[in-house]
């Protein structure tokens, strides 16, 4: 679906939704929507059954575990936290419907860590129209924090910063000369494509070969063959979890030992689980150290033990973003005090400086004119099944 066509669908849905479910006074009505004397209701939409469910499911689980931990510690200024999560299957149209339900029917106070560039881009207008804070969306796309909007806060290191930093490292430190790209044919991949083109221009270079795939694809034989024929010495991946592993597996199947670099969208232990030995040597940008490479502090061990007890499965990297996002919301809500509303929450978020949770990650800071919480990342490389940091903080 073209971007213009998608926008027509989204804006049409948003307009009908605003007129019926919310009405023209949505901004005033929602300032304390989702808040009662005893409860704060928050929401999210995730891919729980589609192409990136390997990320969406543990992200959801991490959020719900954080809710449990917050409530077990006494809640937030006398209120317990409750969270509702809807499945989008990574479909923008389903994301719009999920948002209509959560914002218009369930009346959540804030939407937290909604997953995916295309689903978030489609559903964000509905949240903004309703004056429901759009917090820490699970995508590094720049629209999560630009253009500036007082209730929109980004937490993911933007694709532009990630890609430009890693491409610069590849050219200047690894001596790469012929860069190709494989990207998902949507806003996720296009962000990576644009940033790669921009950074290569700085080095008086251009992409040697580019190829794309449709969301949900599982066969990358033709794309890898095309890049191999162009004799590229680095493939920049605008891929997510399953597709990152798939590209590595296909390259090995074709007998091609080429270096690949992926954004934090593919820096996940699930990539190693799916790809096995084929992903050894993969470079990945991240702002969170992988679980199996984290320093095992007592606080972290407690979170992981509670995760295992609750879900009866080994912790996955996806839980980090979900857990941190809800904990960060709770920190701001506590600072806002008992008089919690949209304005006091925003004011509290804008005062957060150098916040860190139990996981090793880049510190988070916001300001009244800066709603992006992270601007540095770490380049890692898979070794013995772990994403091991190979640089300090990189930015651009």
Foldseek 3Di string as FASTA:
>chain_A
DDPVVLQVVLVVLLVVLCVPLQNQCLQVVQQQFQDDQAEAEEEEEFACDADVVVQRVLLVLLQVLLLVVCVVVPHFQRYRYDYDYHHQNQPLVSLQVVLSCVCRPVRHQAYFQHEDDSNCVSNVVNCVSNNRAHYAHHALDPVQCPPHDLRGFHAFAHLLWQLLQVLCCCCVPVVFDAEEEEAEPDPLRVSNQVSNQVNQVVVVHGHQYYDYDYPRDQDCQVVLVRVVVSVGQEYEYSDAANVVLSSLQNCVVVVHDHEYEYEQNHQWLSNCVNNPPSQAFHKYKDFFFFPVPWDDDVVNVVSQVVSCVVPVDGRIRSSVSSNVRNVLQSQLSNQLHPPRTSVSSSVSQQQDDQDDDPTRGGGFHHHSNGRYTDFWIFMFGDDPSGGHTDDDTTTD
